[in-house]
C-alpha atoms as a PDB file:
ATOM      1  CA  MET A   1      86.562 -43.067  37.394  1.00  0.00           C
ATOM      2  CA  GLU A   2      84.847 -40.563  35.151  1.00  0.00           C
ATOM      3  CA  GLY A   3      83.177 -43.355  33.179  1.00  0.00           C
ATOM      4  CA  LEU A   4      81.778 -44.911  36.352  1.00  0.00           C
ATOM      5  CA  ASN A   5      79.954 -41.668  37.172  1.00  0.00           C
ATOM      6  CA  MET A   6      78.537 -41.259  33.679  1.00  0.00           C
ATOM      7  CA  VAL A   7      74.784 -40.673  33.557  1.00  0.00           C
ATOM      8  CA  ARG A   8      73.225 -43.649  31.785  1.00  0.00           C
ATOM      9  CA  PRO A   9      69.880 -44.584  30.239  1.00  0.00           C
ATOM     10  CA  LYS A  10      68.054 -47.124  32.372  1.00  0.00           C
ATOM     11  CA  TYR A  11      66.708 -49.275  29.539  1.00  0.00           C
ATOM     12  CA  LYS A  12      67.989 -50.230  26.111  1.00  0.00           C
ATOM     13  CA  ILE A  13      64.871 -48.530  24.760  1.00  0.00           C
ATOM     14  CA  GLU A  14      63.612 -45.510  26.688  1.00  0.00           C
ATOM     15  CA  SER A  15      60.123 -44.043  26.303  1.00  0.00           C
ATOM     16  CA  ALA A  16      58.071 -40.945  26.941  1.00  0.00           C
ATOM     17  CA  ILE A  17      54.301 -40.528  27.233  1.00  0.00           C
ATOM     18  CA  ALA A  18      53.253 -37.570  25.103  1.00  0.00           C
ATOM     19  CA  MET A  19      49.913 -35.822  24.705  1.00  0.00           C
ATOM     20  CA  ARG A  20      48.517 -34.025  21.662  1.00  0.00           C
ATOM     21  CA  PRO A  21      45.144 -32.403  20.993  1.00  0.00           C
ATOM     22  CA  ILE A  22      42.842 -34.187  18.565  1.00  0.00           C
ATOM     23  CA  PHE A  23      40.193 -31.493  18.696  1.00  0.00           C
ATOM     24  CA  LYS A  24      40.257 -27.749  19.359  1.00  0.00           C
ATOM     25  CA  ARG A  25      37.567 -25.077  19.495  1.00  0.00           C
ATOM     26  CA  MET A  26      37.959 -21.309  19.846  1.00  0.00           C
ATOM     27  CA  ILE A  27      35.122 -19.631  21.657  1.00  0.00           C
ATOM     28  CA  GLN A  28      34.209 -16.440  23.506  1.00  0.00           C
ATOM     29  CA  GLN A  29      32.163 -15.983  26.658  1.00  0.00           C
ATOM     30  CA  VAL A  30      29.126 -14.705  24.758  1.00  0.00           C
ATOM     31  CA  ASP A  31      29.032 -17.941  22.724  1.00  0.00           C
ATOM     32  CA  PHE A  32      28.044 -19.927  25.819  1.00  0.00           C
ATOM     33  CA  ASN A  33      24.627 -18.254  25.556  1.00  0.00           C
ATOM     34  CA  ILE A  34      23.980 -19.715  22.088  1.00  0.00           C
ATOM     35  CA  ASP A  35      21.945 -22.928  22.356  1.00  0.00           C
ATOM     36  CA  GLU A  36      23.526 -24.533  19.279  1.00  0.00           C
ATOM     37  CA  ILE A  37      27.023 -24.085  20.711  1.00  0.00           C
ATOM     38  CA  LYS A  38      25.979 -25.125  24.228  1.00  0.00           C
ATOM     39  CA  ASN A  39      24.539 -28.365  22.812  1.00  0.00           C
ATOM     40  CA  LYS A  40      27.775 -29.090  20.928  1.00  0.00           C
ATOM     41  CA  LEU A  41      29.838 -28.505  24.050  1.00  0.00           C
ATOM     42  CA  ILE A  42      27.783 -31.088  25.940  1.00  0.00           C
ATOM     43  CA  HIS A  43      28.960 -33.795  23.539  1.00  0.00           C
ATOM     44  CA  GLU A  44      32.553 -32.616  23.102  1.00  0.00           C
ATOM     45  CA  GLN A  45      35.288 -33.993  25.338  1.00  0.00           C
ATOM     46  CA  CYS A  46      37.079 -30.876  26.516  1.00  0.00           C
ATOM     47  CA  HIS A  47      40.054 -31.754  28.712  1.00  0.00           C
ATOM     48  CA  ILE A  48      42.098 -28.553  28.823  1.00  0.00           C
ATOM     49  CA  TYR A  49      41.192 -24.944  28.203  1.00  0.00           C
ATOM     50  CA  MET A  50      43.398 -21.928  27.587  1.00  0.00           C
ATOM     51  CA  VAL A  51      42.320 -18.374  28.301  1.00  0.00           C
ATOM     52  CA  CYS A  52      43.978 -16.105  25.748  1.00  0.00           C
ATOM     53  CA  GLN A  53      44.053 -12.452  24.757  1.00  0.00           C
ATOM     54  CA  ARG A  54      44.561 -10.565  21.525  1.00  0.00           C
ATOM     55  CA  PRO A  55      43.681  -7.172  19.956  1.00  0.00           C
ATOM     56  CA  ARG A  56      40.053  -6.517  19.074  1.00  0.00           C
ATOM     57  CA  ILE A  57      39.271  -7.163  15.406  1.00  0.00           C
ATOM     58  CA  SER A  58      36.310  -5.235  14.008  1.00  0.00           C
ATOM     59  CA  ILE A  59      34.934  -4.134  10.639  1.00  0.00           C
ATOM     60  CA  ASP A  60      34.915  -0.527   9.432  1.00  0.00           C
ATOM     61  CA  ILE A  61      31.654  -0.334   7.500  1.00  0.00           C
ATOM     62  CA  ASN A  62      32.447   3.143   6.149  1.00  0.00           C
ATOM     63  CA  LYS A  63      35.572   1.871   4.423  1.00  0.00           C
ATOM     64  CA  THR A  64      34.027  -1.318   3.067  1.00  0.00           C
ATOM     65  CA  SER A  65      32.898  -1.438  -0.559  1.00  0.00           C
ATOM     66  CA  ILE A  66      30.925  -3.849  -2.734  1.00  0.00           C
ATOM     67  CA  ASP A  67      30.585  -4.316  -6.463  1.00  0.00           C
ATOM     68  CA  SER A  68      29.435  -7.194  -8.654  1.00  0.00           C
ATOM     69  CA  GLU A  69      32.925  -8.731  -8.804  1.00  0.00           C
ATOM     70  CA  LYS A  70      34.389  -8.253  -5.361  1.00  0.00           C
ATOM     71  CA  VAL A  71      33.792  -7.285  -1.749  1.00  0.00           C
ATOM     72  CA  SER A  72      36.443  -5.084  -0.170  1.00  0.00           C
ATOM     73  CA  LEU A  73      36.486  -5.492   3.609  1.00  0.00           C
ATOM     74  CA  CYS A  74      38.296  -3.051   5.900  1.00  0.00           C
ATOM     75  CA  PHE A  75      39.333  -4.735   9.132  1.00  0.00           C
ATOM     76  CA  LYS A  76      40.335  -2.588  12.085  1.00  0.00           C
ATOM     77  CA  ILE A  77      42.860  -3.993  14.563  1.00  0.00           C
ATOM     78  CA  THR A  78      42.691  -2.122  17.873  1.00  0.00           C
ATOM     79  CA  ASN A  79      45.510  -2.785  20.312  1.00  0.00           C
ATOM     80  CA  ASN A  80      45.063  -0.325  23.178  1.00  0.00           C
ATOM     81  CA  GLU A  81      45.880   3.077  21.606  1.00  0.00           C
ATOM     82  CA  HIS A  82      47.292   1.645  18.369  1.00  0.00           C
ATOM     83  CA  ILE A  83      44.877   1.136  15.452  1.00  0.00           C
ATOM     84  CA  GLU A  84      45.805  -0.643  12.224  1.00  0.00           C
ATOM     85  CA  GLU A  85      43.591  -1.057   9.163  1.00  0.00           C
ATOM     86  CA  ILE A  86      43.880  -4.024   6.823  1.00  0.00           C
ATOM     87  CA  ILE A  87      41.870  -4.236   3.594  1.00  0.00           C
ATOM     88  CA  ILE A  88      41.158  -7.668   2.136  1.00  0.00           C
ATOM     89  CA  ASN A  89      39.416  -8.197  -1.206  1.00  0.00           C
ATOM     90  CA  VAL A  90      37.330 -11.290  -1.819  1.00  0.00           C
ATOM     91  CA  ALA A  91      35.420 -12.429  -4.921  1.00  0.00           C
ATOM     92  CA  ASN A  92      31.710 -11.640  -4.689  1.00  0.00           C
ATOM     93  CA  ASN A  93      30.559 -15.183  -5.460  1.00  0.00           C
ATOM     94  CA  LEU A  94      27.546 -14.937  -3.139  1.00  0.00           C
ATOM     95  CA  GLY A  95      25.956 -11.910  -4.787  1.00  0.00           C
ATOM     96  CA  VAL A  96      26.524  -9.704  -1.745  1.00  0.00           C
ATOM     97  CA  THR A  97      24.935  -6.259  -2.009  1.00  0.00           C
ATOM     98  CA  ASP A  98      24.967  -5.135   1.628  1.00  0.00           C
ATOM     99  CA  ILE A  99      27.036  -5.601   4.784  1.00  0.00           C
ATOM    100  CA  VAL A 100      25.362  -5.066   8.143  1.00  0.00           C
ATOM    101  CA  SER A 101      27.234  -4.625  11.418  1.00  0.00           C
ATOM    102  CA  GLN A 102      26.309  -2.915  14.678  1.00  0.00           C
ATOM    103  CA  TYR A 103      28.549  -1.475  17.394  1.00  0.00           C
ATOM    104  CA  PRO A 104      31.110  -2.698  18.469  1.00  0.00           C
ATOM    105  CA  TYR A 105      31.322  -4.008  14.872  1.00  0.00           C
ATOM    106  CA  THR A 106      32.741  -7.390  15.831  1.00  0.00           C
ATOM    107  CA  ASP A 107      29.926  -9.326  14.097  1.00  0.00           C
ATOM    108  CA  LEU A 108      28.622  -8.910  10.568  1.00  0.00           C
ATOM    109  CA  ASP A 109      26.005 -10.188   8.142  1.00  0.00           C
ATOM    110  CA  LEU A 110      26.431 -10.310   4.365  1.00  0.00           C
ATOM    111  CA  LYS A 111      23.133  -9.891   2.492  1.00  0.00           C
ATOM    112  CA  ASN A 112      22.089 -10.328  -1.145  1.00  0.00           C
ATOM    113  CA  LYS A 113      19.731  -8.109  -3.181  1.00  0.00           C
ATOM    114  CA  ASP A 114      16.704  -9.874  -1.678  1.00  0.00           C
ATOM    115  CA  GLY A 115      17.841  -9.010   1.837  1.00  0.00           C
ATOM    116  CA  GLU A 116      18.740 -12.622   2.624  1.00  0.00           C
ATOM    117  CA  ILE A 117      21.749 -13.323   4.846  1.00  0.00           C
ATOM    118  CA  VAL A 118      24.151 -15.342   2.692  1.00  0.00           C
ATOM    119  CA  SER A 119      26.967 -15.375   5.252  1.00  0.00           C
ATOM    120  CA  GLY A 120      27.675 -13.968   8.687  1.00  0.00           C
ATOM    121  CA  GLY A 121      29.395 -14.375  12.010  1.00  0.00           C
ATOM    122  CA  LYS A 122      32.300 -13.019  13.987  1.00  0.00           C
ATOM    123  CA  VAL A 123      34.471 -10.490  12.169  1.00  0.00           C
ATOM    124  CA  SER A 124      37.571 -12.106  13.623  1.00  0.00           C
ATOM    125  CA  PHE A 125      36.667 -15.451  12.013  1.00  0.00           C
ATOM    126  CA  PHE A 126      36.170 -13.788   8.614  1.00  0.00           C
ATOM    127  CA  TYR A 127      39.522 -12.070   9.027  1.00  0.00           C
ATOM    128  CA  ASN A 128      41.203 -15.310  10.083  1.00  0.00           C
ATOM    129  CA  GLN A 129      39.797 -17.393   7.232  1.00  0.00           C
ATOM    130  CA  LEU A 130      40.463 -14.780   4.529  1.00  0.00           C
ATOM    131  CA  LEU A 131      44.089 -14.502   5.584  1.00  0.00           C
ATOM    132  CA  LYS A 132      44.349 -18.287   5.624  1.00  0.00           C
ATOM    133  CA  MET A 133      42.819 -18.536   2.129  1.00  0.00           C
ATOM    134  CA  ASN A 134      45.385 -16.001   0.895  1.00  0.00           C
ATOM    135  CA  ASN A 135      48.184 -17.938   2.609  1.00  0.00           C
ATOM    136  CA  THR A 136      49.017 -14.794   4.590  1.00  0.00           C
ATOM    137  CA  TYR A 137      49.575 -14.388   8.296  1.00  0.00           C
ATOM    138  CA  HIS A 138      49.394 -11.249  10.417  1.00  0.00           C
ATOM    139  CA  ASN A 139      50.582 -10.971  14.016  1.00  0.00           C
ATOM    140  CA  SER A 140      47.207  -9.547  15.049  1.00  0.00           C
ATOM    141  CA  LEU A 141      46.001 -13.167  15.036  1.00  0.00           C
ATOM    142  CA  ASN A 142      48.500 -14.118  17.755  1.00  0.00           C
ATOM    143  CA  LEU A 143      46.941 -15.250  21.018  1.00  0.00           C
ATOM    144  CA  LYS A 144      48.684 -14.593  24.319  1.00  0.00           C
ATOM    145  CA  VAL A 145      48.164 -17.446  26.780  1.00  0.00           C
ATOM    146  CA  LEU A 146      47.026 -15.997  30.123  1.00  0.00           C
ATOM    147  CA  TYR A 147      45.737 -19.054  31.954  1.00  0.00           C
ATOM    148  CA  ILE A 148      45.572 -22.827  31.495  1.00  0.00           C
ATOM    149  CA  GLY A 149      43.122 -25.058  33.349  1.00  0.00           C
ATOM    150  CA  GLN A 150      41.444 -28.446  33.365  1.00  0.00           C
ATOM    151  CA  ALA A 151      37.837 -28.714  32.272  1.00  0.00           C
ATOM    152  CA  PHE A 152      37.084 -30.906  35.274  1.00  0.00           C
ATOM    153  CA  GLY A 153      35.640 -30.154  38.688  1.00  0.00           C
ATOM    154  CA  GLU A 154      37.256 -31.083  41.993  1.00  0.00           C
ATOM    155  CA  ASN A 155      35.580 -34.499  41.965  1.00  0.00           C
ATOM    156  CA  GLY A 156      36.492 -35.320  38.372  1.00  0.00           C
ATOM    157  CA  GLU A 157      33.248 -34.254  36.720  1.00  0.00           C
ATOM    158  CA  ARG A 158      33.440 -32.271  33.493  1.00  0.00           C
ATOM    159  CA  LEU A 159      32.737 -28.587  33.934  1.00  0.00           C
ATOM    160  CA  ALA A 160      29.463 -27.452  32.405  1.00  0.00           C
ATOM    161  CA  SER A 161      29.655 -24.312  30.301  1.00  0.00           C
ATOM    162  CA  ASP A 162      27.957 -22.165  32.959  1.00  0.00           C
ATOM    163  CA  ARG A 163      30.462 -23.296  35.604  1.00  0.00           C
ATOM    164  CA  LEU A 164      33.378 -22.697  33.267  1.00  0.00           C
ATOM    165  CA  ILE A 165      32.459 -19.107  32.462  1.00  0.00           C
ATOM    166  CA  ASN A 166      31.861 -18.418  36.158  1.00  0.00           C
ATOM    167  CA  HIS A 167      35.289 -19.715  37.135  1.00  0.00           C
ATOM    168  CA  SER A 168      36.839 -17.137  39.495  1.00  0.00           C
ATOM    169  CA  THR A 169      40.138 -16.835  37.600  1.00  0.00           C
ATOM    170  CA  LEU A 170      38.368 -16.414  34.283  1.00  0.00           C
ATOM    171  CA  GLN A 171      36.189 -13.666  35.737  1.00  0.00           C
ATOM    172  CA  LYS A 172      39.283 -11.919  37.120  1.00  0.00           C
ATOM    173  CA  ILE A 173      40.884 -12.020  33.680  1.00  0.00           C
ATOM    174  CA  TYR A 174      37.789 -10.446  32.129  1.00  0.00           C
ATOM    175  CA  SER A 175      37.745  -7.781  34.816  1.00  0.00           C
ATOM    176  CA  ASP A 176      41.447  -6.986  34.472  1.00  0.00           C
ATOM    177  CA  THR A 177      41.165  -6.832  30.700  1.00  0.00           C
ATOM    178  CA  MET A 178      38.217  -4.453  30.806  1.00  0.00           C
ATOM    179  CA  TYR A 179      40.146  -2.172  33.158  1.00  0.00           C
ATOM    180  CA  ASN A 180      43.684  -2.362  31.711  1.00  0.00           C
ATOM    181  CA  SER A 181      43.185  -3.307  28.048  1.00  0.00           C
ATOM    182  CA  PRO A 182      39.557  -2.605  27.081  1.00  0.00           C
ATOM    183  CA  ASN A 183      40.315  -2.900  23.360  1.00  0.00           C
ATOM    184  CA  ASN A 184      41.626  -6.430  23.709  1.00  0.00           C
ATOM    185  CA  GLU A 185      39.459  -9.541  23.446  1.00  0.00           C
ATOM    186  CA  ILE A 186      39.448 -12.699  25.549  1.00  0.00           C
ATOM    187  CA  TRP A 187      39.265 -16.041  23.757  1.00  0.00           C
ATOM    188  CA  LEU A 188      39.034 -19.569  25.111  1.00  0.00           C
ATOM    189  CA  ILE A 189      40.635 -22.527  23.361  1.00  0.00           C
ATOM    190  CA  LEU A 190      38.978 -25.814  24.354  1.00  0.00           C
ATOM    191  CA  MET A 191      41.002 -28.947  23.638  1.00  0.00           C
ATOM    192  CA  GLU A 192      40.615 -32.713  23.753  1.00  0.00           C
ATOM    193  CA  PHE A 193      43.891 -34.621  24.137  1.00  0.00           C
ATOM    194  CA  GLU A 194      45.060 -38.143  23.375  1.00  0.00           C
ATOM    195  CA  PRO A 195      48.240 -39.948  24.488  1.00  0.00           C
ATOM    196  CA  TYR A 196      50.931 -41.489  22.302  1.00  0.00           C
ATOM    197  CA  LEU A 197      54.247 -43.146  23.013  1.00  0.00           C
ATOM    198  CA  ILE A 198      57.656 -41.865  21.928  1.00  0.00           C
ATOM    199  CA  SER A 199      60.494 -44.406  22.115  1.00  0.00           C
ATOM    200  CA  ALA A 200      64.211 -44.079  21.441  1.00  0.00           C
ATOM    201  CA  GLY A 201      66.987 -46.619  21.157  1.00  0.00           C
ATOM    202  CA  GLY A 202      70.233 -47.258  19.329  1.00  0.00           C
ATOM    203  CA  LYS A 203      73.874 -47.886  20.096  1.00  0.00           C
ATOM    204  CA  GLY A 204      74.080 -45.305  22.854  1.00  0.00           C
ATOM    205  CA  PHE A 205      71.197 -46.964  24.684  1.00  0.00           C
ATOM    206  CA  GLU A 206      72.337 -50.519  23.877  1.00  0.00           C
ATOM    207  CA  ASN A 207      75.881 -49.987  25.111  1.00  0.00           C
ATOM    208  CA  ASN A 208      75.221 -47.793  28.131  1.00  0.00           C
ATOM    209  CA  SER A 209      71.910 -48.891  29.667  1.00  0.00           C
ATOM    210  CA  SER A 210      72.017 -49.964  33.282  1.00  0.00           C
ATOM    211  CA  LEU A 211      69.494 -52.783  32.675  1.00  0.00           C
ATOM    212  CA  GLY A 212      69.549 -55.544  30.088  1.00  0.00           C
ATOM    213  CA  ASP A 213      67.330 -57.033  27.374  1.00  0.00           C
ATOM    214  CA  ALA A 214      64.928 -58.910  29.676  1.00  0.00           C
ATOM    215  CA  GLU A 215      64.201 -55.867  31.839  1.00  0.00           C
ATOM    216  CA  THR A 216      63.775 -53.683  28.737  1.00  0.00           C
ATOM    217  CA  GLU A 217      61.309 -56.127  27.169  1.00  0.00           C
ATOM    218  CA  GLU A 218      59.272 -56.309  30.366  1.00  0.00           C
ATOM    219  CA  HIS A 219      59.286 -52.516  30.646  1.00  0.00           C
ATOM    220  CA  LEU A 220      58.079 -52.081  27.045  1.00  0.00           C
ATOM    221  CA  PHE A 221      55.395 -54.719  27.514  1.00  0.00           C
ATOM    222  CA  ASN A 222      54.061 -52.845  30.553  1.00  0.00           C
ATOM    223  CA  LEU A 223      54.052 -49.572  28.633  1.00  0.00           C
ATOM    224  CA  LEU A 224      52.206 -51.058  25.668  1.00  0.00           C
ATOM    225  CA  THR A 225      49.589 -52.853  27.739  1.00  0.00           C
ATOM    226  CA  THR A 226      48.969 -50.320  30.498  1.00  0.00           C
ATOM    227  CA  ARG A 227      47.358 -46.932  30.093  1.00  0.00           C
ATOM    228  CA  ILE A 228      47.610 -44.563  32.991  1.00  0.00           C
ATOM    229  CA  ASN A 229      44.426 -43.098  34.391  1.00  0.00           C
ATOM    230  CA  PRO A 230      43.052 -40.468  31.944  1.00  0.00           C
ATOM    231  CA  ASP A 231      42.730 -37.982  34.820  1.00  0.00           C
ATOM    232  CA  GLN A 232      46.449 -38.340  35.461  1.00  0.00           C
ATOM    233  CA  GLU A 233      47.194 -37.880  31.757  1.00  0.00           C
ATOM    234  CA  ILE A 234      45.269 -34.619  31.738  1.00  0.00           C
ATOM    235  CA  THR A 235      46.909 -33.456  34.977  1.00  0.00           C
ATOM    236  CA  PHE A 236      50.439 -33.858  33.666  1.00  0.00           C
ATOM    237  CA  THR A 237      49.385 -32.282  30.355  1.00  0.00           C
ATOM    238  CA  GLU A 238      48.013 -29.249  32.178  1.00  0.00           C
ATOM    239  CA  ALA A 239      51.153 -29.092  34.326  1.00  0.00           C
ATOM    240  CA  ALA A 240      53.486 -29.389  31.321  1.00  0.00           C
ATOM    241  CA  LEU A 241      51.661 -26.644  29.424  1.00  0.00           C
ATOM    242  CA  ILE A 242      51.775 -24.351  32.454  1.00  0.00           C
ATOM    243  CA  ARG A 243      55.471 -25.028  33.048  1.00  0.00           C
ATOM    244  CA  TYR A 244      56.157 -24.275  29.371  1.00  0.00           C
ATOM    245  CA  PHE A 245      54.036 -21.155  28.770  1.00  0.00           C
ATOM    246  CA  GLN A 246      54.328 -19.729  32.315  1.00  0.00           C
ATOM    247  CA  PRO A 247      50.898 -17.989  32.076  1.00  0.00           C
ATOM    248  CA  ILE A 248      50.642 -14.965  34.343  1.00  0.00           C
ATOM    249  CA  TYR A 249      47.380 -16.090  35.999  1.00  0.00           C
ATOM    250  CA  ASN A 250      48.604 -19.597  36.878  1.00  0.00           C
ATOM    251  CA  ASN A 251      50.470 -20.318  40.103  1.00  0.00           C
ATOM    252  CA  GLU A 252      50.722 -24.084  40.498  1.00  0.00           C
ATOM    253  CA  TYR A 253      53.217 -26.093  38.398  1.00  0.00           C
ATOM    254  CA  LYS A 254      55.170 -23.079  37.110  1.00  0.00           C
ATOM    255  CA  THR A 255      58.282 -24.185  38.988  1.00  0.00           C
ATOM    256  CA  SER A 256      57.268 -27.475  40.598  1.00  0.00           C
ATOM    257  CA  PHE A 257      56.730 -29.769  37.617  1.00  0.00           C
ATOM    258  CA  PRO A 258      57.617 -32.582  37.336  1.00  0.00           C
ATOM    259  CA  LYS A 259      57.844 -33.826  40.898  1.00  0.00           C
ATOM    260  CA  GLY A 260      57.889 -37.477  41.954  1.00  0.00           C
ATOM    261  CA  THR A 261      55.919 -36.866  45.141  1.00  0.00           C
ATOM    262  CA  HIS A 262      52.938 -35.395  43.287  1.00  0.00           C
ATOM    263  CA  SER A 263      50.224 -38.055  43.579  1.00  0.00           C
ATOM    264  CA  SER A 264      48.042 -36.678  40.778  1.00  0.00           C
ATOM    265  CA  TYR A 265      50.408 -38.024  38.086  1.00  0.00           C
ATOM    266  CA  ASN A 266      52.409 -40.650  40.049  1.00  0.00           C
ATOM    267  CA  GLN A 267      51.452 -43.440  37.630  1.00  0.00           C
ATOM    268  CA  CYS A 268      54.002 -41.987  35.199  1.00  0.00           C
ATOM    269  CA  TYR A 269      56.646 -42.804  37.774  1.00  0.00           C
ATOM    270  CA  GLN A 270      55.145 -46.213  38.507  1.00  0.00           C
ATOM    271  CA  LEU A 271      55.422 -47.080  34.807  1.00  0.00           C
ATOM    272  CA  ASP A 272      59.007 -45.808  34.975  1.00  0.00           C
ATOM    273  CA  VAL A 273      58.839 -43.719  31.799  1.00  0.00           C
ATOM    274  CA  ASN A 274      61.798 -41.475  31.061  1.00  0.00           C
ATOM    275  CA  SER A 275      59.824 -38.317  30.278  1.00  0.00           C
ATOM    276  CA  VAL A 276      56.415 -36.817  29.643  1.00  0.00           C
ATOM    277  CA  ALA A 277      55.734 -34.404  26.800  1.00  0.00           C
ATOM    278  CA  PHE A 278      53.134 -32.425  24.913  1.00  0.00           C
ATOM    279  CA  GLU A 279      52.748 -31.388  21.273  1.00  0.00           C
ATOM    280  CA  LEU A 280      50.537 -28.499  20.188  1.00  0.00           C
ATOM    281  CA  GLN A 281      49.953 -27.395  16.584  1.00  0.00           C
ATOM    282  CA  THR A 282      47.559 -24.534  15.773  1.00  0.00           C
ATOM    283  CA  GLN A 283      48.186 -23.785  12.101  1.00  0.00           C
ATOM    284  CA  SER A 284      45.925 -26.128  10.163  1.00  0.00           C
ATOM    285  CA  ASP A 285      42.804 -25.674  12.298  1.00  0.00           C
ATOM    286  CA  LEU A 286      42.913 -22.463  14.340  1.00  0.00           C
ATOM    287  CA  PHE A 287      45.429 -20.614  12.137  1.00  0.00           C
ATOM    288  CA  THR A 288      46.737 -18.656  15.075  1.00  0.00           C
ATOM    289  CA  MET A 289      50.091 -18.535  16.839  1.00  0.00           C
ATOM    290  CA  LEU A 290      50.258 -18.969  20.594  1.00  0.00           C
ATOM    291  CA  TYR A 291      52.724 -17.132  22.813  1.00  0.00           C
ATOM    292  CA  SER A 292      53.305 -15.837  26.332  1.00  0.00           C
ATOM    293  CA  ASP A 293      55.716 -13.544  28.121  1.00  0.00           C
ATOM    294  CA  GLU A 294      58.193 -16.444  28.133  1.00  0.00           C
ATOM    295  CA  ILE A 295      57.490 -18.099  24.765  1.00  0.00           C
ATOM    296  CA  GLU A 296      57.747 -16.561  21.286  1.00  0.00           C
ATOM    297  CA  PRO A 297      54.722 -16.760  18.927  1.00  0.00           C
ATOM    298  CA  SER A 298      54.599 -19.996  16.954  1.00  0.00           C
ATOM    299  CA  PHE A 299      52.168 -22.361  15.269  1.00  0.00           C
ATOM    300  CA  TYR A 300      53.994 -25.311  16.802  1.00  0.00           C
ATOM    301  CA  HIS A 301      54.942 -25.931  20.416  1.00  0.00           C
ATOM    302  CA  MET A 302      56.482 -29.104  21.806  1.00  0.00           C
ATOM    303  CA  LYS A 303      58.318 -29.745  25.033  1.00  0.00           C
ATOM    304  CA  HIS A 304      59.434 -32.797  26.966  1.00  0.00           C
ATOM    305  CA  PHE A 305      60.094 -32.987  30.695  1.00  0.00           C
ATOM    306  CA  PRO A 306      62.409 -35.688  32.091  1.00  0.00           C
ATOM    307  CA  LEU A 307      60.947 -37.261  35.210  1.00  0.00           C
ATOM    308  CA  TYR A 308      64.361 -37.826  36.726  1.00  0.00           C
ATOM    309  CA  SER A 309      67.294 -35.549  37.420  1.00  0.00           C
ATOM    310  CA  GLU A 310      70.413 -35.669  35.249  1.00  0.00           C
ATOM    311  CA  LYS A 311      72.205 -37.369  38.137  1.00  0.00           C
ATOM    312  CA  GLU A 312      69.641 -40.184  38.279  1.00  0.00           C
ATOM    313  CA  ARG A 313      69.031 -41.038  34.633  1.00  0.00           C
ATOM    314  CA  SER A 314      69.945 -39.641  31.248  1.00  0.00           C
ATOM    315  CA  ASP A 315      67.436 -37.637  29.234  1.00  0.00           C
ATOM    316  CA  MET A 316      66.324 -39.919  26.381  1.00  0.00           C
ATOM    317  CA  PHE A 317      66.000 -37.023  23.949  1.00  0.00           C
ATOM    318  CA  LYS A 318      69.546 -35.839  24.613  1.00  0.00           C
ATOM    319  CA  GLU A 319      70.805 -39.421  24.503  1.00  0.00           C
ATOM    320  CA  ALA A 320      69.165 -39.962  21.101  1.00  0.00           C
ATOM    321  CA  ILE A 321      71.132 -37.160  19.444  1.00  0.00           C
ATOM    322  CA  LYS A 322      74.557 -37.980  20.857  1.00  0.00           C
END
């Protein structure tokens, strides 16, 4: 009797639709006022954005030194009342003779003896790239995920940069941060996602599936020849990320994903996939770990969500490791 009640895979090969970002950009609110960046954003396909927080990273000009061989930069990490200083030395290959930075010292220009700017930008990016070049990581680079949203309007149109920065939740986050954690910075991660298919089979699936070879072949053919609506792909990606990170400013999807009655990603159920999943890697490009109150800091995050309960159908990922 126990064997008759055993949870079984439905097909001899089960599959999941997974999403991964193929492009990511880190940006701050002030950057939306820069024409060059605004023009780039027009042509970039941003599907999902994350609103994140981390300590303010600035430069201490008084503790920075320059000579003909090296530039010694003193970075100041301000996390509420705690201040940490980190000194990083870099070869002076650009002939730097002066470093210019104005309050709040979060941007800098490096100048040569002729007064020409040979490099410049956000202090946090210099700090990030120098640590990456030295193959060193510091937890001050960690980004706490506060909110996750779609970069689409209610009617499916992509959000323009001015609409994005005026989003009510984003403005509340800025306001709360200024009041509660004025020494922290808000960053946005803009991401473009693409789908891929994960399939699993083997003896456990072959011997225990409730459907046979013909049904499995038809199911795989449908999966390989049918792509669900991109809007639905982005909706379940947003929902999966929210369910995983549990950001404090999100409400929807934190406990209600996945759900078969949700029409905004019902094509996943129509295609009868076993699970949906996401994969997110932030080491090679952003060189920052993501975390939340529920999730530990990491460069790599991946999670799958079975679309059916354990009583209805076995989890393909659990089945694969039996």
